[in-house]
């Protein structure tokens, strides 16, 4: 079971929620409190998760989850609704970078993802989740508005009838109608989350193929880090007869390049030999043709 499945099973499923994506992050700038308490520093991993409730009306949530060193369990630390998420800043719209910012009502969190591919996966899924949430909410508000309009029309008809029966002194339906109109004018719909400095392939031009490519990149990045970690552990153990280099991945790439170069040389030699044999065959054919013409006479 991978980390995302474990977080979903332990943190979100018991709360009747479904996790859409999670990304491991670190802060770009340390908080003052953590600097003051540097003597009692605790190591932990932080994950920013996006989840949706299973019950209607659906709620889109952003949750900060931590796992402390030496523990296999995950702890929910903070939670925000999508209405509190004011802005998502991708930092650089022209280049894939692991940095991004999340702006909430009470401040901005500056994060660095494990890799640029994981950050792109997170932003793309978060963007589509926000778009789906706001479309569904607009539909629900439209249905509510139609029901309210029908109710107001019924109230107006009933109020008119009451006014006719009661005479000039019955002014309460008119005052209620003015109050409803004032409330409708004062109502402002919630502001949607703003995505800035994000590559267009993560938002407007996003497609499933981009997501697959980023997942492949994230997987390769995890494999690279795992290979480096295994190499460092082997170096620490000091196994005899094992040569330790600075970068295992670099050595692998170098060996692949050498193998490709050797294969290219062999192909070149084979092509040269083929051309030489073709020329000899042509010469042999010409000689045989001349001999046949000579003896035929």
Protein backbone atom coordinates (compact mmCIF):
# COMPACT_ATOMS: atom_id res chain seq x y z
CA UNK A 1 0.00 0.00 0.00
CA UNK A 2 1.45 3.38 -1.04
CA UNK A 3 1.38 6.52 1.10
CA UNK A 4 -1.67 8.08 -0.57
CA UNK A 5 -3.74 4.92 -0.08
CA UNK A 6 -2.63 4.74 3.56
CA UNK A 7 -3.60 8.39 4.19
CA UNK A 8 -6.98 7.89 2.54
CA UNK A 9 -7.70 4.74 4.55
CA UNK A 10 -6.57 6.13 7.91
CA UNK A 11 -7.61 9.80 7.76
CA UNK A 12 -10.41 10.33 5.24
CA UNK A 13 -12.46 7.12 4.93
CA UNK A 14 -13.42 7.13 8.65
CA UNK A 15 -14.76 10.70 8.17
CA UNK A 16 -16.85 9.67 5.13
CA UNK A 17 -14.56 11.55 2.76
CA UNK A 18 -12.68 10.54 -0.38
CA UNK A 19 -9.15 11.79 -0.97
CA UNK A 20 -8.42 12.99 -4.50
CA UNK A 21 -4.69 13.75 -4.28
CA UNK A 22 -1.90 14.23 -1.74
CA UNK A 23 1.53 15.79 -2.12
CA UNK A 24 4.46 15.71 0.30
CA UNK A 25 5.78 19.22 0.95
CA UNK A 26 8.28 21.26 2.93
CA UNK A 27 8.11 24.94 3.88
CA UNK A 28 10.21 27.33 1.85
CA UNK A 29 10.52 29.65 4.85
CA UNK A 30 10.64 28.54 8.45
CA UNK A 31 8.24 30.14 10.90
CA UNK A 32 9.55 32.26 13.77
CA UNK A 33 8.09 29.88 16.32
CA UNK A 34 10.03 26.95 14.88
CA UNK A 35 13.23 29.02 15.00
CA UNK A 36 12.65 29.90 18.67
CA UNK A 37 11.94 26.27 19.52
CA UNK A 38 14.87 24.89 17.56
CA UNK A 39 16.11 23.08 20.65
CA UNK A 40 13.05 20.83 20.70
CA UNK A 41 12.87 20.11 16.99
CA UNK A 42 10.67 17.22 15.88
CA UNK A 43 11.08 15.54 12.53
CA UNK A 44 7.94 14.86 10.54
CA UNK A 45 6.61 14.58 7.02
CA UNK A 46 3.89 16.99 5.85
CA UNK A 47 1.26 16.19 3.22
CA UNK A 48 -1.26 18.59 1.64
CA UNK A 49 -4.38 16.63 0.69
CA UNK A 50 -7.50 17.43 -1.33
CA UNK A 51 -10.65 15.52 -0.41
CA UNK A 52 -14.39 15.63 -1.07
CA UNK A 53 -17.24 14.57 1.18
CA UNK A 54 -19.41 11.65 0.09
CA UNK A 55 -22.65 13.19 1.35
CA UNK A 56 -24.53 15.87 -0.54
CA UNK A 57 -24.09 18.74 -0.78
CA UNK A 58 -20.46 17.86 -1.52
CA UNK A 59 -17.74 19.85 0.24
CA UNK A 60 -14.24 20.25 -1.20
CA UNK A 61 -11.60 20.33 1.56
CA UNK A 62 -7.86 21.01 1.77
CA UNK A 63 -6.22 19.22 4.69
CA UNK A 64 -2.72 19.25 6.16
CA UNK A 65 -1.65 15.81 7.40
CA UNK A 66 1.55 14.97 9.28
CA UNK A 67 3.42 11.78 10.09
CA UNK A 68 6.06 12.04 12.79
CA UNK A 69 9.30 10.11 12.61
CA UNK A 70 9.16 6.73 14.29
CA UNK A 71 5.39 6.51 13.82
CA UNK A 72 3.43 4.82 11.05
CA UNK A 73 0.17 6.69 11.74
CA UNK A 74 -1.01 9.94 10.13
CA UNK A 75 -2.44 12.93 12.02
CA UNK A 76 -4.79 15.58 10.66
CA UNK A 77 -3.48 19.00 11.69
CA UNK A 78 -5.41 21.68 9.75
CA UNK A 79 -8.41 21.80 7.44
CA UNK A 80 -9.82 24.47 5.09
CA UNK A 81 -12.82 24.59 2.81
CA UNK A 82 -12.41 25.58 -0.84
CA UNK A 83 -14.20 28.86 -0.05
CA UNK A 84 -11.29 29.71 2.28
CA UNK A 85 -8.75 28.92 -0.46
CA UNK A 86 -8.39 32.27 -2.19
CA UNK A 87 -5.42 31.68 -4.46
CA UNK A 88 -3.12 28.98 -5.85
CA UNK A 89 0.20 30.37 -7.08
CA UNK A 90 2.29 28.15 -9.35
CA UNK A 91 5.27 30.57 -9.04
CA UNK A 92 6.54 30.08 -12.64
CA UNK A 93 4.17 29.73 -15.62
CA UNK A 94 7.00 28.99 -18.08
CA UNK A 95 8.93 26.29 -16.23
CA UNK A 96 8.14 23.21 -14.14
CA UNK A 97 9.27 23.94 -10.59
CA UNK A 98 8.41 22.25 -7.27
CA UNK A 99 7.45 25.51 -5.51
CA UNK A 100 3.87 26.69 -5.05
CA UNK A 101 1.83 28.87 -2.67
CA UNK A 102 -1.63 28.39 -1.18
CA UNK A 103 -3.37 31.61 -0.12
CA UNK A 104 -6.11 31.33 2.51
CA UNK A 105 -8.21 33.87 4.38
CA UNK A 106 -5.75 33.93 7.28
CA UNK A 107 -2.46 33.90 5.36
CA UNK A 108 -0.28 32.33 2.67
CA UNK A 109 1.58 29.02 2.97
CA UNK A 110 4.73 28.69 0.87
CA UNK A 111 5.56 25.08 -0.03
CA UNK A 112 8.09 23.02 -1.93
CA UNK A 113 6.92 19.67 -3.29
CA UNK A 114 8.97 16.51 -3.49
CA UNK A 115 9.36 17.09 -7.23
CA UNK A 116 7.96 19.35 -9.94
CA UNK A 117 5.94 16.41 -11.34
CA UNK A 118 4.17 15.83 -8.00
CA UNK A 119 3.37 19.54 -7.76
CA UNK A 120 1.91 19.49 -11.30
CA UNK A 121 -0.27 16.47 -10.44
CA UNK A 122 -1.53 18.24 -7.31
CA UNK A 123 -2.37 21.52 -9.08
CA UNK A 124 -4.06 19.83 -12.05
CA UNK A 125 -6.32 17.68 -9.86
CA UNK A 126 -7.05 20.59 -7.50
CA UNK A 127 -7.99 22.84 -10.45
CA UNK A 128 -10.43 20.31 -11.92
CA UNK A 129 -11.90 19.61 -8.47
CA UNK A 130 -12.49 23.34 -7.92
CA UNK A 131 -14.12 23.73 -11.33
CA UNK A 132 -16.42 20.76 -10.70
CA UNK A 133 -17.30 22.03 -7.22
CA UNK A 134 -18.21 25.55 -8.38
CA UNK A 135 -20.28 24.23 -11.29
CA UNK A 136 -22.24 21.95 -8.95
CA UNK A 137 -22.69 24.76 -6.45
CA UNK A 138 -23.95 27.11 -9.16
CA UNK A 139 -26.47 24.44 -10.18
CA UNK A 140 -27.62 24.00 -6.59
CA UNK A 141 -27.97 27.76 -6.17
CA UNK A 142 -29.97 27.91 -9.41
CA UNK A 143 -32.36 25.27 -8.15
CA UNK A 144 -32.66 27.06 -4.82
CA UNK A 145 -33.32 30.34 -6.65
CA UNK A 146 -36.13 28.79 -8.69
CA UNK A 147 -37.74 27.33 -5.58
CA UNK A 148 -37.37 30.65 -3.76
CA UNK A 149 -38.84 32.55 -6.70
CA UNK A 150 -41.87 30.26 -6.77
CA UNK A 151 -42.23 30.69 -3.01
CA UNK A 152 -41.99 34.47 -3.31
CA UNK A 153 -44.60 34.50 -6.06
CA UNK A 154 -46.93 32.44 -3.88
CA UNK A 155 -46.29 34.74 -0.94
CA UNK A 156 -46.98 37.80 -3.09
CA UNK A 157 -50.28 36.34 -4.32
CA UNK A 158 -51.28 35.36 -0.80
CA UNK A 159 -50.21 38.78 0.48
CA UNK A 160 -52.28 40.54 -2.19
CA UNK A 161 -55.31 38.50 -1.25
CA UNK A 162 -54.76 39.27 2.43
CA UNK A 163 -54.34 42.96 1.60
CA UNK A 164 -57.63 43.01 -0.33
CA UNK A 165 -59.41 41.35 2.57
CA UNK A 166 -57.76 43.43 5.27
CA UNK A 167 -58.10 46.77 3.51
CA UNK A 168 -55.62 49.66 3.42
CA UNK A 169 -54.24 49.01 6.87
CA UNK A 170 -52.66 45.62 5.90
CA UNK A 171 -49.17 46.72 4.81
CA UNK A 172 -47.15 43.76 6.18
CA UNK A 173 -46.82 41.83 2.85
CA UNK A 174 -45.34 44.89 1.15
CA UNK A 175 -42.77 45.38 3.87
CA UNK A 176 -41.85 41.68 3.71
CA UNK A 177 -41.41 41.95 -0.06
CA UNK A 178 -39.12 44.98 0.37
CA UNK A 179 -37.06 43.02 2.92
CA UNK A 180 -36.64 40.12 0.49
CA UNK A 181 -35.56 42.46 -2.28
CA UNK A 182 -33.02 44.12 -0.01
CA UNK A 183 -31.60 40.73 0.97
CA UNK A 184 -31.31 39.68 -2.66
CA UNK A 185 -29.45 42.88 -3.55
CA UNK A 186 -27.07 42.55 -0.58
CA UNK A 187 -26.21 38.91 -1.37
CA UNK A 188 -22.90 38.34 -3.15
CA UNK A 189 -21.84 34.88 -4.37
CA UNK A 190 -18.60 33.44 -2.91
CA UNK A 191 -15.43 34.24 -4.84
CA UNK A 192 -13.90 31.31 -6.68
CA UNK A 193 -10.33 30.16 -6.14
CA UNK A 194 -7.84 32.04 -8.35
CA UNK A 195 -5.05 30.08 -10.10
CA UNK A 196 -2.12 32.30 -11.08
CA UNK A 197 1.35 31.63 -12.54
CA UNK A 198 0.29 28.09 -13.47
CA UNK A 199 1.18 26.45 -16.77
CA UNK A 200 -1.72 26.28 -19.20
CA UNK A 201 -1.34 22.52 -19.52
CA UNK A 202 -2.29 22.26 -15.84
CA UNK A 203 -5.45 24.38 -16.14
CA UNK A 204 -6.94 25.48 -19.48
CA UNK A 205 -5.21 22.94 -21.73
CA UNK A 206 -5.11 20.14 -19.16
CA UNK A 207 -5.82 16.61 -20.34
CA UNK A 208 -5.55 13.05 -19.05
CA UNK A 209 -2.34 12.42 -21.01
CA UNK A 210 -0.56 15.21 -19.09
CA UNK A 211 -1.57 13.58 -15.83
CA UNK A 212 -0.23 10.20 -16.98
CA UNK A 213 3.08 11.79 -18.01
CA UNK A 214 3.45 13.54 -14.64
CA UNK A 215 2.68 10.31 -12.78
CA UNK A 216 5.42 8.56 -14.77
CA UNK A 217 7.86 11.37 -13.95
CA UNK A 218 6.97 11.18 -10.25
CA UNK A 219 7.48 7.41 -10.28
CA UNK A 220 10.91 7.77 -11.92
CA UNK A 221 11.85 10.43 -9.37
CA UNK A 222 10.92 8.07 -6.51
CA UNK A 223 12.97 5.27 -8.09
CA UNK A 224 15.95 7.61 -8.47
CA UNK A 225 15.81 8.66 -4.81
CA UNK A 226 15.41 5.04 -3.71
CA UNK A 227 18.48 4.00 -5.69
CA UNK A 228 20.53 6.84 -4.19
CA UNK A 229 19.32 5.93 -0.67
CA UNK A 230 20.24 2.26 -1.19
CA UNK A 231 23.66 3.28 -2.48
CA UNK A 232 24.23 5.50 0.58
CA UNK A 233 23.22 2.68 2.93
CA UNK A 234 25.61 0.32 1.16
CA UNK A 235 28.39 2.89 1.50
CA UNK A 236 27.66 3.26 5.21
CA UNK A 237 27.88 -0.46 5.79
CA UNK A 238 31.24 -0.58 4.03
CA UNK A 239 30.64 -3.81 2.13
CA UNK A 240 33.93 -5.28 0.85
CA UNK A 241 34.58 -5.47 -2.84
CA UNK A 242 31.91 -2.86 -3.66
CA UNK A 243 32.97 0.33 -5.37
CA UNK A 244 31.05 3.40 -4.18
CA UNK A 245 30.62 6.31 -6.55
CA UNK A 246 29.14 9.73 -6.14
CA UNK A 247 25.95 9.06 -8.05
CA UNK A 248 24.62 5.63 -8.98
CA UNK A 249 22.12 7.11 -11.41
CA UNK A 250 24.88 9.05 -13.16
CA UNK A 251 26.93 5.85 -13.56
CA UNK A 252 23.93 4.03 -15.01
CA UNK A 253 23.30 6.82 -17.51
CA UNK A 254 26.98 6.86 -18.46
CA UNK A 255 27.03 3.10 -19.03
CA UNK A 256 23.89 3.36 -21.18
CA UNK A 257 25.47 6.11 -23.26
CA UNK A 258 28.64 4.05 -23.75
CA UNK A 259 26.59 1.00 -24.76
CA UNK A 260 24.60 3.08 -27.25
CA UNK A 261 27.81 4.52 -28.68
CA UNK A 262 29.33 1.04 -29.12
CA UNK A 263 26.16 -0.19 -30.78
CA UNK A 264 26.22 2.78 -33.15
CA UNK A 265 29.82 1.99 -34.10
CA UNK A 266 28.92 -1.63 -34.84
CA UNK A 267 25.98 -0.54 -36.99
CA UNK A 268 28.24 1.86 -38.90
CA UNK A 269 30.78 -0.89 -39.57
CA UNK A 270 27.98 -3.22 -40.69
CA UNK A 271 26.66 -0.60 -43.10
CA UNK A 272 30.14 -0.03 -44.57
CA UNK A 273 30.61 -3.79 -45.03
CA UNK A 274 27.21 -4.05 -46.75
CA UNK A 275 28.08 -1.27 -49.20
CA UNK A 276 31.41 -2.96 -49.99
CA UNK A 277 29.71 -6.31 -50.66
CA UNK A 278 27.12 -4.62 -52.89
CA UNK A 279 29.89 -3.02 -54.97
CA UNK A 280 31.70 -6.35 -55.34
CA UNK A 281 28.46 -8.07 -56.33
CA UNK A 282 27.85 -5.39 -58.96
CA UNK A 283 31.36 -5.86 -60.37
CA UNK A 284 30.91 -9.64 -60.46
CA UNK A 285 27.58 -9.24 -62.27
CA UNK A 286 29.11 -6.94 -64.88
CA UNK A 287 32.02 -9.35 -65.51
CA UNK A 288 29.66 -12.32 -65.86
CA UNK A 289 27.50 -10.37 -68.33
CA UNK A 290 30.53 -9.46 -70.47
CA UNK A 291 31.71 -13.09 -70.53
CA UNK A 292 28.25 -14.28 -71.57
CA UNK A 293 28.17 -11.81 -74.43
CA UNK A 294 31.71 -12.83 -75.53
CA UNK A 295 31.01 -16.58 -75.71
CA UNK A 296 27.60 -16.12 -77.26
CA UNK A 297 29.24 -14.72 -80.39
